[in-house]
Amino acid sequence: QYENAYYMLLHISFFFIFVMLNAYNIAYIKASGKFLWALFIRLSGSVIVVIVFYILHSFTHSVINVVLSLIWGYIGMYIISFWFEYKLRQTQNYNM
């Protein structure tokens, strides 16, 4: 009964790494007063989740598709938030 749960937990473990990394980046961006940037990052993550889910769903009808789409959504959000944080740090170093 729990034999297939191993594959689900294996994929979910990667999900939590990007949740923590993304939470740090978004917290830094919000602390700098860029609330619209943080909103854009979260909305783009939601769009990425939906797009990736439908792409994966066209190839296979598995429960893992939901987890994989969440992982790719957070990876996309992390990449975008990392870029925004990098730009924010550059402007802060330039102003000093």
C-alpha atoms as a PDB file:
ATOM      1  CA  GLN A   1       0.000   0.000   0.000  1.00  0.00           C
ATOM      2  CA  TYR A   2       2.860   2.416   0.770  1.00  0.00           C
ATOM      3  CA  GLU A   3       5.226   1.135  -1.926  1.00  0.00           C
ATOM      4  CA  ASN A   4       4.460   3.994  -4.331  1.00  0.00           C
ATOM      5  CA  ALA A   5       4.772   6.623  -1.591  1.00  0.00           C
ATOM      6  CA  TYR A   6       8.559   6.359  -1.817  1.00  0.00           C
ATOM      7  CA  TYR A   7       8.580   7.924  -5.275  1.00  0.00           C
ATOM      8  CA  MET A   8       6.299  10.740  -4.144  1.00  0.00           C
ATOM      9  CA  LEU A   9       8.472  11.511  -1.100  1.00  0.00           C
ATOM     10  CA  LEU A  10      11.626  11.350  -3.186  1.00  0.00           C
ATOM     11  CA  HIS A  11      10.305  14.047  -5.495  1.00  0.00           C
ATOM     12  CA  ILE A  12       8.852  16.174  -2.681  1.00  0.00           C
ATOM     13  CA  SER A  13      12.211  16.325  -0.895  1.00  0.00           C
ATOM     14  CA  PHE A  14      13.601  18.502  -3.721  1.00  0.00           C
ATOM     15  CA  PHE A  15      10.565  20.752  -3.404  1.00  0.00           C
ATOM     16  CA  PHE A  16      11.381  21.876   0.165  1.00  0.00           C
ATOM     17  CA  ILE A  17      14.906  22.998  -0.720  1.00  0.00           C
ATOM     18  CA  PHE A  18      13.589  25.548  -3.204  1.00  0.00           C
ATOM     19  CA  VAL A  19      10.790  26.590  -0.839  1.00  0.00           C
ATOM     20  CA  MET A  20      13.362  27.661   1.749  1.00  0.00           C
ATOM     21  CA  LEU A  21      15.684  29.349  -0.756  1.00  0.00           C
ATOM     22  CA  ASN A  22      12.810  31.208  -2.361  1.00  0.00           C
ATOM     23  CA  ALA A  23      11.403  32.290   1.008  1.00  0.00           C
ATOM     24  CA  TYR A  24      14.741  33.908   1.884  1.00  0.00           C
ATOM     25  CA  ASN A  25      14.970  35.756  -1.424  1.00  0.00           C
ATOM     26  CA  ILE A  26      11.402  37.029  -1.257  1.00  0.00           C
ATOM     27  CA  ALA A  27      11.845  38.095   2.377  1.00  0.00           C
ATOM     28  CA  TYR A  28      14.946  40.083   1.394  1.00  0.00           C
ATOM     29  CA  ILE A  29      13.107  41.693  -1.507  1.00  0.00           C
ATOM     30  CA  LYS A  30      10.135  42.605   0.704  1.00  0.00           C
ATOM     31  CA  ALA A  31      12.432  43.984   3.410  1.00  0.00           C
ATOM     32  CA  SER A  32      13.887  46.300   0.790  1.00  0.00           C
ATOM     33  CA  GLY A  33      10.417  47.693   0.113  1.00  0.00           C
ATOM     34  CA  LYS A  34       9.859  46.043  -3.269  1.00  0.00           C
ATOM     35  CA  PHE A  35       6.466  44.510  -2.561  1.00  0.00           C
ATOM     36  CA  LEU A  36       5.356  44.564  -6.199  1.00  0.00           C
ATOM     37  CA  TRP A  37       8.454  42.596  -7.172  1.00  0.00           C
ATOM     38  CA  ALA A  38       7.554  39.946  -4.596  1.00  0.00           C
ATOM     39  CA  LEU A  39       3.989  39.823  -5.906  1.00  0.00           C
ATOM     40  CA  PHE A  40       5.260  39.443  -9.471  1.00  0.00           C
ATOM     41  CA  ILE A  41       7.555  36.590  -8.410  1.00  0.00           C
ATOM     42  CA  ARG A  42       4.721  34.719  -6.699  1.00  0.00           C
ATOM     43  CA  LEU A  43       2.329  35.244  -9.599  1.00  0.00           C
ATOM     44  CA  SER A  44       4.938  34.043 -12.061  1.00  0.00           C
ATOM     45  CA  GLY A  45       5.446  30.932  -9.929  1.00  0.00           C
ATOM     46  CA  SER A  46       1.737  30.186 -10.114  1.00  0.00           C
ATOM     47  CA  VAL A  47       1.774  30.577 -13.883  1.00  0.00           C
ATOM     48  CA  ILE A  48       4.805  28.294 -14.164  1.00  0.00           C
ATOM     49  CA  VAL A  49       3.075  25.608 -12.057  1.00  0.00           C
ATOM     50  CA  VAL A  50       0.012  25.596 -14.305  1.00  0.00           C
ATOM     51  CA  ILE A  51       2.017  25.587 -17.536  1.00  0.00           C
ATOM     52  CA  VAL A  52       4.351  22.801 -16.429  1.00  0.00           C
ATOM     53  CA  PHE A  53       1.436  20.731 -15.127  1.00  0.00           C
ATOM     54  CA  TYR A  54      -0.364  20.845 -18.462  1.00  0.00           C
ATOM     55  CA  ILE A  55       2.838  20.065 -20.345  1.00  0.00           C
ATOM     56  CA  LEU A  56       3.536  17.046 -18.131  1.00  0.00           C
ATOM     57  CA  HIS A  57      -0.116  16.009 -18.206  1.00  0.00           C
ATOM     58  CA  SER A  58      -0.010  15.809 -21.997  1.00  0.00           C
ATOM     59  CA  PHE A  59       2.740  13.166 -21.752  1.00  0.00           C
ATOM     60  CA  THR A  60       1.603  11.074 -18.790  1.00  0.00           C
ATOM     61  CA  HIS A  61      -1.303  10.954 -16.342  1.00  0.00           C
ATOM     62  CA  SER A  62       0.551  10.444 -13.077  1.00  0.00           C
ATOM     63  CA  VAL A  63       0.170  11.883  -9.597  1.00  0.00           C
ATOM     64  CA  ILE A  64       3.857  12.804  -9.704  1.00  0.00           C
ATOM     65  CA  ASN A  65       2.976  15.497 -12.274  1.00  0.00           C
ATOM     66  CA  VAL A  66       1.546  17.682  -9.512  1.00  0.00           C
ATOM     67  CA  VAL A  67       4.708  17.405  -7.448  1.00  0.00           C
ATOM     68  CA  LEU A  68       6.969  17.982 -10.442  1.00  0.00           C
ATOM     69  CA  SER A  69       5.009  21.041 -11.487  1.00  0.00           C
ATOM     70  CA  LEU A  70       5.316  22.460  -7.948  1.00  0.00           C
ATOM     71  CA  ILE A  71       9.042  21.795  -8.013  1.00  0.00           C
ATOM     72  CA  TRP A  72       9.459  23.555 -11.358  1.00  0.00           C
ATOM     73  CA  GLY A  73       7.278  26.420 -10.155  1.00  0.00           C
ATOM     74  CA  TYR A  74       9.528  26.984  -7.161  1.00  0.00           C
ATOM     75  CA  ILE A  75      12.666  26.574  -9.270  1.00  0.00           C
ATOM     76  CA  GLY A  76      11.339  29.253 -11.609  1.00  0.00           C
ATOM     77  CA  MET A  77      10.433  31.496  -8.693  1.00  0.00           C
ATOM     78  CA  TYR A  78      13.888  30.978  -7.211  1.00  0.00           C
ATOM     79  CA  ILE A  79      15.604  31.915 -10.463  1.00  0.00           C
ATOM     80  CA  ILE A  80      13.490  35.049 -10.845  1.00  0.00           C
ATOM     81  CA  SER A  81      13.864  36.072  -7.187  1.00  0.00           C
ATOM     82  CA  PHE A  82      17.620  35.419  -7.310  1.00  0.00           C
ATOM     83  CA  TRP A  83      17.906  37.723 -10.307  1.00  0.00           C
ATOM     84  CA  PHE A  84      15.800  40.429  -8.621  1.00  0.00           C
ATOM     85  CA  GLU A  85      17.837  40.123  -5.426  1.00  0.00           C
ATOM     86  CA  TYR A  86      21.067  40.377  -7.424  1.00  0.00           C
ATOM     87  CA  LYS A  87      19.824  43.543  -9.134  1.00  0.00           C
ATOM     88  CA  LEU A  88      18.672  44.951  -5.791  1.00  0.00           C
ATOM     89  CA  ARG A  89      22.057  44.316  -4.178  1.00  0.00           C
ATOM     90  CA  GLN A  90      23.802  45.965  -7.115  1.00  0.00           C
ATOM     91  CA  THR A  91      21.723  49.126  -6.748  1.00  0.00           C
ATOM     92  CA  GLN A  92      22.260  49.161  -2.988  1.00  0.00           C
ATOM     93  CA  ASN A  93      26.028  48.814  -3.390  1.00  0.00           C
ATOM     94  CA  TYR A  94      25.987  51.539  -6.038  1.00  0.00           C
ATOM     95  CA  ASN A  95      24.145  53.936  -3.701  1.00  0.00           C
ATOM     96  CA  MET A  96      26.660  53.486  -0.872  1.00  0.00           C
END
